[in-house]
Structures are given as C-alpha cells and as structure tokens.
Amino acid sequence: KKYSADGVRVGMLLCSPAGNDLLFDESLTQQGRNFSNKIWNAFRLIMSWQVDPALPQPAHSEVAVRWFGSLLNRSLRRVDDQFKKYRISDALMILYRLFWDDFSSWYLETVKPGFGSAMDRDTRERTIGFLEQLLHLLHPFMPFITEEIWQLVSPRKEGESLMISALPGAGKYDRELIARFGDMKEVITNIRSIRKAKEIPFREEIPLMVRPGSGGQYQAELEPVIMKLAAVSGVEEITGDTGDTGDKGDTVSFMVKNVEYHIPLGKPVDTEQEIGRLESELEYARGFRDSVSRKLGNERFVSHAPVEVKHSSGHIVRRL
C-alpha cells in the first residue's frame, strides 16, 4: 500500500544479488516506487510532444537515436546473459540504469524539443519504439505499471498484452559509437561543472575550443549534442602548443581522453584557484585509481565480481 506492488518487487530484487543473503532495506522499496514514478513521468513527457511532419530530423536527434539504438541492443544481450546465469537482480540493475540514466537523463534530454516547439516525426516514432521495448524488458520485474503504459502508448488489439508477448531480440550494435558517446557525456558534464563554478547561467551560450592530442581525434559527429546539452554556441578546433589559445584570452580547460577542451571566459582567471581545482581533481583521480587497483588485486573480488564490473574497473585503471 505504501510503495506499490511494483515498488516492492524492485526493492526486493535490488537487495537480492545471486548467491548472497537477503539484506532487506525498506529504503530500496522506496527506490522502487521512485523508479515507477520515473517511468510514468517519462511516458507523460513523450506523449506531450507534438509532431510536425514537415520538420526534418535535427542532427542532435539523429545521433541520439543511433546511439540509444546501439545501447539498447547491447543491453538486451547483457540482460539475456544474466537470465541464463539466473542473475535476476543483475538483469534488473542493467535495465534500471538503462532507463534512469541513459534513456531519461541523456536520450530524452537530447531529443526533447524546445519549449512550445514541435518534434519531427522520425524522432517521435523511434522514441515511442524505444519506450515500448523498455516496457517489454521491465515487464517481468514491474508487471503493473509497464502493462498500463504499454496499453496507453499505442492502439492495441483486443486481448493484446505484454504478459503474453515475447521479449524483443537483440540486434547489432556499434561499440565504437557507444564509447564515443560516453566520452561526449564526460565533456558535457565538465562544461556544466565549469558553468556552475564560474557562475555562467545556462541561458548564456558559450564558445568551446578543442585541441586533439597526439593520435587523438575530436568526434565532430557528436558536436550537435554537445552544443544542445551544454548550451555551446559553436566549436572551434585549434592547433599549436598546449595551452596556446591565441587571442581568446583567459580560458578554463579540461581533458577527456587525449583531447583538450578550452572555454574562453572573457575575463581574467584566478590562476591559484584554478591550480588548486586541478590538483584536487588529480588527487581524487589518483585515489580512485588506487582503490580500483586494490580491488583488482583482491582474488576474492575478482572471482566473484560480474564480468562487466571487472571489465569496467580495468578500463578505468588503464584510462587513468
């Protein structure tokens, strides 16, 4: 009554990893209820968008559709693998993160039309298709809300139900596109952090300068997404020595992989403060690297951790 049947099911599964004792925590059922609300709000947002058939698909939406399609197919393969291993809790966690982080926080924010604006038909149809596939995947864990939304999102025939529908099959996915989009999310997160630190309002567009490192390549195909989600007015690729930004004045910089990014401020930078910020970030990164290295050196952790956890942990250490 307090958290809903779906919320309790999710909460019980989140505290029931395969092979371990049940560590029940009522806050997890609250997390399950919040997840139900997230799904419902995403559905309401999508259905509120009006379509203009004459509109072409924007570049940022085209990239987002390709990325999430690949990510969904990869997730389908991973969920199927967890089912085969009877790791039901792990399968749910894959879908939880896919819906909450990737679909709601990144995909929908990228394709969302501006206030009072319409959406192109292609993007709307693909978004509805993604939502229906996600509802299929979540149905075994959350049968009530997924069935309710699935019946509302599109016209259904008499007797149609998710309960008697096959799960969608996994198609091909672009591993490189998923990785590039991950780097781009890191770029956007850095720009937003700089905006907050420098008190630059989001309504104020800012320029961005990019300098690829040795052997590095700036992914220009993802530029439209950066421009929309980080409120960037334009991107200029620069060359020359590191730190040389020509006549752009003082800038705040950061790096993602081996690509250097600069944001011109148009006002003097407090050098000591900037050095302190960078040293703090470096100290945190080193501590995180050491923590992951210790885990990878622990035979008990390595033998019991899921494959994707060990793979991602090793990838983090290599990058640092």
Protein backbone atom coordinates (compact mmCIF):
# COMPACT_ATOMS: atom_id res chain seq x y z
CA LYS A 1 0.00 0.00 0.00
CA LYS A 2 2.86 2.38 0.79
CA TYR A 3 5.29 1.61 -2.05
CA SER A 4 3.08 -0.24 -4.61
CA ALA A 5 3.47 -3.86 -5.71
CA ASP A 6 5.94 -2.90 -8.45
CA GLY A 7 7.98 -0.84 -6.00
CA VAL A 8 8.22 -3.74 -3.54
CA ARG A 9 9.21 -6.19 -6.28
CA VAL A 10 12.01 -3.88 -7.44
CA GLY A 11 13.16 -3.23 -3.88
CA MET A 12 13.30 -6.96 -3.07
CA LEU A 13 15.30 -7.71 -6.21
CA LEU A 14 17.74 -4.85 -5.65
CA CYS A 15 18.70 -6.38 -2.29
CA SER A 16 18.81 -9.97 -3.58
CA PRO A 17 22.04 -10.48 -5.57
CA ALA A 18 22.57 -14.07 -6.66
CA GLY A 19 24.42 -16.22 -4.14
CA ASN A 20 24.19 -13.74 -1.26
CA ASP A 21 21.95 -13.48 1.79
CA LEU A 22 18.91 -11.21 1.57
CA LEU A 23 19.84 -7.84 3.09
CA PHE A 24 16.40 -6.25 3.16
CA ASP A 25 16.25 -2.46 3.43
CA GLU A 26 12.93 -0.64 3.22
CA SER A 27 14.62 2.30 1.51
CA LEU A 28 15.09 0.04 -1.53
CA THR A 29 11.32 -0.38 -1.88
CA GLN A 30 11.10 3.41 -1.81
CA GLN A 31 13.69 3.41 -4.60
CA GLY A 32 11.44 1.00 -6.49
CA ARG A 33 8.47 3.34 -6.06
CA ASN A 34 10.58 6.26 -7.28
CA PHE A 35 11.56 4.22 -10.32
CA SER A 36 7.88 3.65 -11.10
CA ASN A 37 7.35 7.41 -10.93
CA LYS A 38 10.32 7.92 -13.27
CA ILE A 39 8.82 5.58 -15.85
CA TRP A 40 5.42 7.26 -15.63
CA ASN A 41 6.89 10.76 -15.96
CA ALA A 42 8.98 9.74 -18.98
CA PHE A 43 5.81 8.37 -20.62
CA ARG A 44 3.91 11.60 -19.91
CA LEU A 45 6.74 13.70 -21.30
CA ILE A 46 6.95 11.72 -24.54
CA MET A 47 3.19 11.79 -25.08
CA SER A 48 3.12 15.57 -24.56
CA TRP A 49 5.30 16.22 -27.60
CA GLN A 50 3.51 17.42 -30.71
CA VAL A 51 4.65 16.27 -34.15
CA ASP A 52 5.19 18.43 -37.22
CA PRO A 53 5.52 16.11 -40.27
CA ALA A 54 7.27 18.87 -42.23
CA LEU A 55 10.18 19.13 -39.79
CA PRO A 56 13.46 17.42 -40.73
CA GLN A 57 15.26 15.39 -38.08
CA PRO A 58 17.80 17.58 -36.23
CA ALA A 59 21.42 16.43 -36.20
CA HIS A 60 21.45 16.01 -32.40
CA SER A 61 18.37 13.77 -32.54
CA GLU A 62 19.78 11.65 -35.37
CA VAL A 63 22.94 10.95 -33.35
CA ALA A 64 20.96 10.24 -30.18
CA VAL A 65 18.67 7.76 -31.95
CA ARG A 66 21.63 5.83 -33.39
CA TRP A 67 23.42 5.82 -30.01
CA PHE A 68 20.47 4.67 -27.93
CA GLY A 69 19.52 2.03 -30.50
CA SER A 70 23.01 0.56 -30.19
CA LEU A 71 22.99 0.83 -26.41
CA LEU A 72 19.60 -0.88 -26.20
CA ASN A 73 20.77 -3.80 -28.33
CA ARG A 74 23.90 -4.20 -26.21
CA SER A 75 21.78 -4.13 -23.05
CA LEU A 76 19.44 -6.77 -24.49
CA ARG A 77 22.42 -9.10 -24.94
CA ARG A 78 23.63 -8.44 -21.40
CA VAL A 79 20.20 -8.98 -19.86
CA ASP A 80 19.79 -12.24 -21.76
CA ASP A 81 23.19 -13.38 -20.47
CA GLN A 82 22.17 -12.56 -16.87
CA PHE A 83 18.93 -14.50 -17.29
CA LYS A 84 20.87 -17.55 -18.48
CA LYS A 85 23.02 -17.32 -15.35
CA TYR A 86 19.94 -16.86 -13.10
CA ARG A 87 21.24 -13.44 -12.03
CA ILE A 88 17.82 -11.80 -11.92
CA SER A 89 18.93 -8.92 -9.70
CA ASP A 90 21.82 -8.09 -12.04
CA ALA A 91 19.47 -8.14 -15.04
CA LEU A 92 17.19 -5.65 -13.30
CA MET A 93 20.10 -3.37 -12.43
CA ILE A 94 21.16 -3.23 -16.10
CA LEU A 95 17.64 -2.14 -17.07
CA TYR A 96 17.32 0.25 -14.13
CA ARG A 97 20.44 2.15 -15.20
CA LEU A 98 19.49 1.97 -18.86
CA PHE A 99 16.12 3.60 -18.24
CA TRP A 100 17.03 6.05 -15.47
CA ASP A 101 20.42 7.27 -16.66
CA ASP A 102 20.69 6.66 -20.39
CA PHE A 103 17.08 6.91 -21.60
CA SER A 104 15.69 9.56 -19.23
CA SER A 105 18.74 11.67 -18.39
CA TRP A 106 20.55 11.62 -21.74
CA TYR A 107 18.39 10.40 -24.62
CA LEU A 108 15.17 12.25 -23.77
CA GLU A 109 17.06 15.43 -22.88
CA THR A 110 18.85 15.31 -26.23
CA VAL A 111 15.79 14.79 -28.43
CA LYS A 112 13.40 16.93 -26.38
CA PRO A 113 12.12 19.86 -28.49
CA GLY A 114 12.36 23.41 -27.22
CA PHE A 115 9.54 24.90 -25.17
CA GLY A 116 6.47 25.34 -27.33
CA SER A 117 8.16 23.65 -30.33
CA ALA A 118 7.14 20.52 -32.19
CA MET A 119 9.16 17.37 -32.87
CA ASP A 120 9.93 15.70 -36.19
CA ARG A 121 8.04 12.51 -36.99
CA ASP A 122 11.08 10.19 -37.28
CA THR A 123 12.41 11.02 -33.82
CA ARG A 124 8.97 10.71 -32.21
CA GLU A 125 8.34 7.30 -33.77
CA ARG A 126 11.76 5.98 -32.77
CA THR A 127 11.31 7.30 -29.24
CA ILE A 128 7.95 5.56 -28.90
CA GLY A 129 9.59 2.38 -30.20
CA PHE A 130 12.37 2.62 -27.61
CA LEU A 131 9.83 3.16 -24.83
CA GLU A 132 7.82 0.10 -25.89
CA GLN A 133 10.95 -2.07 -25.94
CA LEU A 134 11.95 -0.85 -22.49
CA LEU A 135 8.47 -1.63 -21.18
CA HIS A 136 8.78 -5.16 -22.57
CA LEU A 137 12.10 -5.65 -20.82
CA LEU A 138 10.90 -4.24 -17.49
CA HIS A 139 7.59 -6.13 -17.52
CA PRO A 140 8.81 -9.28 -15.71
CA PHE A 141 10.03 -7.06 -12.86
CA MET A 142 7.26 -4.43 -12.86
CA PRO A 143 4.19 -6.01 -14.47
CA PHE A 144 1.56 -3.47 -13.41
CA ILE A 145 2.88 -0.08 -14.49
CA THR A 146 4.51 -1.44 -17.66
CA GLU A 147 1.25 -3.06 -18.80
CA GLU A 148 -0.72 0.11 -18.04
CA ILE A 149 1.63 2.36 -20.02
CA TRP A 150 2.01 -0.13 -22.88
CA GLN A 151 -1.77 -0.20 -23.33
CA LEU A 152 -1.88 3.62 -23.40
CA VAL A 153 1.12 4.43 -25.58
CA SER A 154 -0.28 2.91 -28.82
CA PRO A 155 -3.59 1.39 -30.01
CA ARG A 156 -3.82 -2.31 -29.10
CA LYS A 157 -5.96 -5.16 -30.37
CA GLU A 158 -8.41 -7.00 -28.14
CA GLY A 159 -6.51 -9.40 -25.88
CA GLU A 160 -3.06 -7.96 -26.58
CA SER A 161 -0.86 -7.89 -23.50
CA LEU A 162 2.78 -7.62 -22.56
CA MET A 163 2.24 -10.68 -20.37
CA ILE A 164 1.88 -12.91 -23.42
CA SER A 165 4.35 -11.08 -25.68
CA ALA A 166 7.87 -12.27 -26.44
CA LEU A 167 10.79 -10.17 -25.23
CA PRO A 168 12.47 -8.20 -28.04
CA GLY A 169 15.53 -9.79 -29.60
CA ALA A 170 18.92 -8.10 -29.69
CA GLY A 171 20.25 -6.72 -32.96
CA LYS A 172 23.67 -5.41 -33.90
CA TYR A 173 25.21 -2.52 -32.03
CA ASP A 174 28.02 -0.04 -32.67
CA ARG A 175 30.55 -0.50 -29.88
CA GLU A 176 32.62 2.49 -31.01
CA LEU A 177 29.62 4.83 -31.12
CA ILE A 178 28.68 3.84 -27.56
CA ALA A 179 32.23 4.58 -26.40
CA ARG A 180 32.36 7.94 -28.22
CA PHE A 181 29.02 8.96 -26.76
CA GLY A 182 30.36 8.08 -23.31
CA ASP A 183 33.30 10.43 -23.85
CA MET A 184 30.90 13.12 -25.03
CA LYS A 185 28.85 12.78 -21.83
CA GLU A 186 32.05 13.40 -19.89
CA VAL A 187 32.67 16.55 -21.97
CA ILE A 188 29.17 17.87 -21.26
CA THR A 189 29.49 17.09 -17.54
CA ASN A 190 32.77 19.02 -17.39
CA ILE A 191 31.28 22.04 -19.19
CA ARG A 192 28.30 22.07 -16.83
CA SER A 193 30.62 21.88 -13.81
CA ILE A 194 32.65 24.84 -15.12
CA ARG A 195 29.46 26.81 -15.71
CA LYS A 196 28.45 26.20 -12.09
CA ALA A 197 31.88 27.04 -10.68
CA LYS A 198 32.17 30.22 -12.76
CA GLU A 199 28.50 31.17 -12.28
CA ILE A 200 27.76 31.22 -16.01
CA PRO A 201 23.96 30.95 -16.47
CA PHE A 202 22.78 28.14 -18.73
CA ARG A 203 20.74 30.55 -20.85
CA GLU A 204 24.04 32.19 -21.87
CA GLU A 205 25.66 30.28 -24.73
CA ILE A 206 29.43 29.88 -24.59
CA PRO A 207 32.07 29.05 -27.22
CA LEU A 208 34.18 25.91 -27.00
CA MET A 209 37.66 25.28 -28.39
CA VAL A 210 39.02 21.79 -29.00
CA ARG A 211 42.60 20.59 -29.48
CA PRO A 212 43.05 16.87 -30.25
CA GLY A 213 46.13 15.32 -28.67
CA SER A 214 48.74 13.15 -30.31
CA GLY A 215 46.88 10.43 -32.18
CA GLY A 216 43.58 11.78 -30.87
CA GLN A 217 40.62 12.78 -32.95
CA TYR A 218 37.77 15.07 -31.99
CA GLN A 219 34.45 13.40 -32.76
CA ALA A 220 32.73 16.11 -34.76
CA GLU A 221 29.65 13.93 -35.37
CA LEU A 222 28.71 14.37 -31.69
CA GLU A 223 29.14 18.13 -31.77
CA PRO A 224 25.39 18.88 -32.18
CA VAL A 225 24.66 17.03 -28.92
CA ILE A 226 27.35 18.98 -27.05
CA MET A 227 26.00 22.25 -28.42
CA LYS A 228 22.46 21.49 -27.27
CA LEU A 229 23.05 19.91 -23.84
CA ALA A 230 25.88 22.24 -22.79
CA ALA A 231 24.47 25.43 -24.41
CA VAL A 232 27.55 25.85 -26.62
CA SER A 233 27.33 28.47 -29.36
CA GLY A 234 30.00 26.91 -31.57
CA VAL A 235 33.02 24.63 -31.55
CA GLU A 236 36.40 25.68 -32.94
CA GLU A 237 39.18 23.15 -33.48
CA ILE A 238 42.57 24.68 -32.70
CA THR A 239 46.17 23.64 -33.25
CA GLY A 240 49.50 24.70 -31.80
CA ASP A 241 51.20 24.16 -28.48
CA THR A 242 49.23 23.00 -25.46
CA GLY A 243 47.88 25.99 -23.56
CA ASP A 244 48.13 28.32 -26.56
CA THR A 245 44.62 29.57 -27.34
CA GLY A 246 45.63 32.51 -29.49
CA ASP A 247 43.76 35.76 -28.87
CA LYS A 248 40.90 34.10 -26.97
CA GLY A 249 42.13 35.43 -23.63
CA ASP A 250 41.86 33.51 -20.37
CA THR A 251 40.26 30.09 -20.60
CA VAL A 252 39.31 27.22 -18.35
CA SER A 253 40.42 23.87 -19.75
CA PHE A 254 39.89 20.17 -19.16
CA MET A 255 40.78 16.93 -20.93
CA VAL A 256 38.75 13.90 -21.95
CA LYS A 257 40.88 11.02 -23.17
CA ASN A 258 43.65 12.82 -25.10
CA VAL A 259 41.51 15.69 -26.36
CA GLU A 260 41.91 19.11 -24.76
CA TYR A 261 38.92 21.43 -24.34
CA HIS A 262 39.01 25.19 -23.62
CA ILE A 263 36.20 27.53 -22.58
CA PRO A 264 37.05 31.24 -23.09
CA LEU A 265 35.86 33.28 -20.13
CA GLY A 266 36.37 36.78 -21.43
CA LYS A 267 37.73 37.78 -18.02
CA PRO A 268 40.94 37.09 -16.05
CA VAL A 269 41.29 33.69 -14.42
CA ASP A 270 42.35 33.30 -10.79
CA THR A 271 45.44 31.20 -11.52
CA GLU A 272 45.97 29.99 -7.96
CA GLN A 273 42.34 28.96 -7.63
CA GLU A 274 42.46 27.12 -10.96
CA ILE A 275 45.66 25.28 -10.00
CA GLY A 276 44.04 24.27 -6.71
CA ARG A 277 40.97 22.94 -8.52
CA LEU A 278 43.06 20.89 -10.93
CA GLU A 279 45.27 19.50 -8.16
CA SER A 280 42.16 18.49 -6.20
CA GLU A 281 40.76 16.68 -9.24
CA LEU A 282 44.11 14.96 -9.81
CA GLU A 283 44.30 13.82 -6.19
CA TYR A 284 40.76 12.41 -6.39
CA ALA A 285 41.53 10.58 -9.66
CA ARG A 286 44.68 9.03 -8.19
CA GLY A 287 42.81 7.90 -5.08
CA PHE A 288 40.06 6.37 -7.23
CA ARG A 289 42.66 4.61 -9.38
CA ASP A 290 44.39 3.17 -6.30
CA SER A 291 41.06 1.99 -4.91
CA VAL A 292 40.19 0.16 -8.14
CA SER A 293 43.70 -1.30 -8.36
CA ARG A 294 43.35 -2.75 -4.85
CA LYS A 295 40.05 -4.36 -5.79
CA LEU A 296 41.56 -5.89 -8.94
CA GLY A 297 44.41 -7.23 -6.81
CA ASN A 298 41.95 -8.95 -4.46
CA GLU A 299 41.41 -12.52 -5.69
CA ARG A 300 38.10 -12.80 -3.83
CA PHE A 301 36.72 -9.69 -5.54
CA VAL A 302 37.91 -10.78 -8.99
CA SER A 303 36.49 -14.29 -8.64
CA HIS A 304 33.03 -13.13 -7.54
CA ALA A 305 32.55 -9.86 -9.44
CA PRO A 306 30.43 -9.91 -12.63
CA VAL A 307 32.35 -9.75 -15.90
CA GLU A 308 31.16 -6.24 -16.78
CA VAL A 309 32.33 -4.92 -13.37
CA LYS A 310 35.82 -6.37 -13.80
CA HIS A 311 35.99 -5.12 -17.38
CA SER A 312 34.88 -1.58 -16.47
CA SER A 313 37.25 -1.46 -13.45
CA GLY A 314 40.24 -2.45 -15.55
CA HIS A 315 39.22 0.05 -18.22
CA ILE A 316 39.14 2.83 -15.60
CA VAL A 317 42.64 1.98 -14.36
CA ARG A 318 44.04 1.92 -17.91
CA ARG A 319 42.48 5.32 -18.68
CA LEU A 320 43.85 6.90 -15.50
